[in-house]
Amino acid sequence: MVQIFIIYYGLGQIEWLRSTFLWVILKEPYWCAIIAFALNTGAYTSEILRSAFQTIKPGIIEAGKSLGISSKIILYKIQIPVAIRQSLPAYGNEIILMMKGTSLASTVTLMDITGVAKHIVSTTYKPLEVFLLAGGIYLFMTFIIHNLIKYLEKKYSFQ
């Protein structure tokens, strides 16, 4: 939320930024939320991939080199597939967290599931029913993502 606030409300306070071409993008809440989410998930994803590459045993790379395989082929055919398999569970969690984090976009006047639910509550005065439905939508989307990641884990397992 702090990142969204800094990008949406904070960058607008910089006078010279409002006179550049970037202001066309930064004045819209949609793009500010996209930038904040991309920066946030990009940091977590790079850490997930870094740790996945560190789990690759040096013996696997040495075995490829001893067979005369070039470093580029070792990277593309051995290291990347192993790193993807290792990072799938953590990356699945990151996808789910990012999906649930989109509810923060309603703080900068963007209408997502939570924002629409707040709007409906303000007109119907039925918060329980509306937020139960919004929670059900998030639960269903989480279930779909979880099962997709589970399927990919099975498909690309080492067995």
Protein backbone atom coordinates (compact mmCIF):
# COMPACT_ATOMS: atom_id res chain seq x y z
CA MET A 1 0.00 0.00 0.00
CA VAL A 2 2.86 2.35 0.79
CA GLN A 3 4.36 1.78 -2.65
CA ILE A 4 1.03 2.54 -4.34
CA PHE A 5 0.63 5.71 -2.25
CA ILE A 6 4.17 6.88 -3.00
CA ILE A 7 3.78 6.34 -6.73
CA TYR A 8 0.24 7.72 -7.02
CA TYR A 9 0.26 10.57 -4.49
CA GLY A 10 3.97 11.17 -3.91
CA LEU A 11 5.30 11.45 -7.45
CA GLY A 12 2.61 14.01 -8.30
CA GLN A 13 4.22 16.36 -5.77
CA ILE A 14 7.41 16.60 -7.83
CA GLU A 15 6.99 19.71 -9.96
CA TRP A 16 9.37 18.86 -12.81
CA LEU A 17 7.85 15.39 -13.19
CA ARG A 18 4.45 16.89 -14.04
CA SER A 19 5.97 18.65 -17.04
CA THR A 20 7.56 15.50 -18.52
CA PHE A 21 6.13 12.77 -20.71
CA LEU A 22 5.99 10.48 -17.65
CA TRP A 23 3.10 12.47 -16.22
CA VAL A 24 0.79 11.07 -18.91
CA ILE A 25 1.31 7.66 -17.30
CA LEU A 26 1.70 8.65 -13.64
CA LYS A 27 -1.47 10.73 -13.43
CA GLU A 28 -3.62 7.66 -14.04
CA PRO A 29 -4.33 5.41 -11.03
CA TYR A 30 -4.39 2.30 -13.24
CA TRP A 31 -0.79 2.75 -14.37
CA CYS A 32 0.41 3.73 -10.90
CA ALA A 33 -1.05 0.53 -9.47
CA ILE A 34 0.47 -1.54 -12.30
CA ILE A 35 3.90 0.04 -11.70
CA ALA A 36 3.69 -0.54 -7.94
CA PHE A 37 2.58 -4.15 -8.35
CA ALA A 38 5.22 -4.80 -11.01
CA LEU A 39 8.00 -3.40 -8.83
CA ASN A 40 6.81 -5.35 -5.82
CA THR A 41 6.31 -8.69 -7.51
CA GLY A 42 9.45 -8.20 -9.61
CA ALA A 43 11.54 -7.95 -6.45
CA TYR A 44 9.99 -11.07 -4.94
CA THR A 45 10.19 -13.02 -8.19
CA SER A 46 13.86 -12.18 -8.70
CA GLU A 47 14.58 -13.39 -5.16
CA ILE A 48 12.63 -16.60 -5.80
CA LEU A 49 14.56 -17.25 -9.01
CA ARG A 50 17.91 -16.36 -7.42
CA SER A 51 17.36 -18.87 -4.65
CA ALA A 52 16.17 -21.48 -7.16
CA PHE A 53 19.38 -21.10 -9.16
CA GLN A 54 21.42 -21.42 -5.96
CA THR A 55 19.85 -24.81 -5.25
CA ILE A 56 21.38 -26.26 -8.42
CA LYS A 57 24.28 -28.43 -7.40
CA PRO A 58 27.61 -27.53 -9.02
CA GLY A 59 28.09 -31.20 -9.94
CA ILE A 60 25.26 -30.96 -12.48
CA ILE A 61 26.99 -28.09 -14.27
CA GLU A 62 30.35 -29.85 -14.08
CA ALA A 63 28.80 -33.00 -15.55
CA GLY A 64 27.47 -31.00 -18.50
CA LYS A 65 30.87 -29.38 -19.07
CA SER A 66 32.63 -32.73 -18.86
CA LEU A 67 30.36 -33.98 -21.64
CA GLY A 68 31.46 -31.04 -23.79
CA ILE A 69 28.15 -29.17 -23.63
CA SER A 70 28.49 -25.42 -24.05
CA SER A 71 27.66 -23.10 -21.16
CA LYS A 72 24.71 -21.65 -23.08
CA ILE A 73 23.16 -25.08 -23.63
CA ILE A 74 23.79 -26.00 -19.98
CA LEU A 75 21.95 -22.85 -18.95
CA TYR A 76 18.96 -23.36 -21.26
CA LYS A 77 18.63 -27.15 -21.07
CA ILE A 78 19.72 -27.89 -17.49
CA GLN A 79 19.84 -24.89 -15.19
CA ILE A 80 16.65 -23.05 -16.22
CA PRO A 81 14.38 -26.15 -16.18
CA VAL A 82 15.72 -27.19 -12.75
CA ALA A 83 15.32 -23.64 -11.41
CA ILE A 84 11.76 -23.43 -12.72
CA ARG A 85 10.87 -26.73 -11.05
CA GLN A 86 12.44 -25.57 -7.79
CA SER A 87 10.73 -22.17 -7.84
CA LEU A 88 7.20 -23.25 -8.80
CA PRO A 89 5.82 -23.60 -5.24
CA ALA A 90 7.20 -20.26 -4.07
CA TYR A 91 6.19 -18.54 -7.30
CA GLY A 92 2.70 -19.99 -6.99
CA ASN A 93 2.46 -18.36 -3.56
CA GLU A 94 3.65 -15.08 -5.05
CA ILE A 95 0.97 -15.23 -7.77
CA ILE A 96 -1.72 -15.80 -5.14
CA LEU A 97 -0.38 -13.00 -2.95
CA MET A 98 -0.30 -10.65 -5.92
CA MET A 99 -3.86 -11.55 -6.86
CA LYS A 100 -5.03 -10.85 -3.33
CA GLY A 101 -2.89 -7.70 -3.22
CA THR A 102 -4.86 -6.18 -6.05
CA SER A 103 -7.49 -5.27 -3.48
CA LEU A 104 -5.10 -2.49 -2.41
CA ALA A 105 -5.66 -0.81 -5.78
CA SER A 106 -9.03 0.42 -4.54
CA THR A 107 -7.15 2.85 -2.27
CA VAL A 108 -6.19 4.92 -5.32
CA THR A 109 -9.68 5.14 -6.82
CA LEU A 110 -9.36 1.98 -8.92
CA MET A 111 -12.33 -0.33 -8.94
CA ASP A 112 -11.35 -3.94 -8.38
CA ILE A 113 -13.38 -6.64 -6.62
CA THR A 114 -12.96 -4.96 -3.24
CA GLY A 115 -13.66 -1.50 -4.63
CA VAL A 116 -16.83 -2.69 -6.35
CA ALA A 117 -17.87 -4.45 -3.15
CA LYS A 118 -17.40 -1.22 -1.16
CA HIS A 119 -19.47 0.66 -3.73
CA ILE A 120 -22.28 -1.92 -3.61
CA VAL A 121 -22.24 -1.84 0.20
CA SER A 122 -22.58 1.95 0.17
CA THR A 123 -25.73 1.68 -1.96
CA THR A 124 -27.35 -1.47 -0.52
CA TYR A 125 -26.18 -1.35 3.12
CA LYS A 126 -25.65 -5.11 3.08
CA PRO A 127 -21.97 -5.56 3.90
CA LEU A 128 -22.14 -9.19 5.00
CA GLU A 129 -23.63 -10.53 1.77
CA VAL A 130 -21.50 -8.37 -0.50
CA PHE A 131 -18.16 -9.05 1.22
CA LEU A 132 -18.94 -12.76 1.51
CA LEU A 133 -19.45 -12.83 -2.25
CA ALA A 134 -16.25 -10.84 -2.85
CA GLY A 135 -14.38 -13.21 -0.53
CA GLY A 136 -15.88 -16.15 -2.41
CA ILE A 137 -14.61 -14.73 -5.70
CA TYR A 138 -11.11 -14.36 -4.26
CA LEU A 139 -11.31 -17.88 -2.82
CA PHE A 140 -12.38 -19.32 -6.18
CA MET A 141 -9.57 -17.52 -8.03
CA THR A 142 -7.06 -18.72 -5.40
CA PHE A 143 -8.35 -22.28 -5.80
CA ILE A 144 -7.88 -22.11 -9.58
CA ILE A 145 -4.33 -20.72 -9.30
CA HIS A 146 -3.41 -23.25 -6.61
CA ASN A 147 -4.61 -26.18 -8.71
CA LEU A 148 -2.83 -24.87 -11.80
CA ILE A 149 0.47 -24.62 -9.90
CA LYS A 150 -0.11 -28.08 -8.39
CA TYR A 151 -0.70 -29.48 -11.89
CA LEU A 152 2.48 -27.82 -13.19
CA GLU A 153 4.48 -29.18 -10.25
CA LYS A 154 3.32 -32.71 -11.03
CA LYS A 155 3.90 -32.28 -14.75
CA TYR A 156 7.45 -31.01 -14.34
CA SER A 157 8.49 -33.15 -11.36
CA PHE A 158 11.75 -35.08 -11.51
CA GLN A 159 10.03 -38.47 -11.49
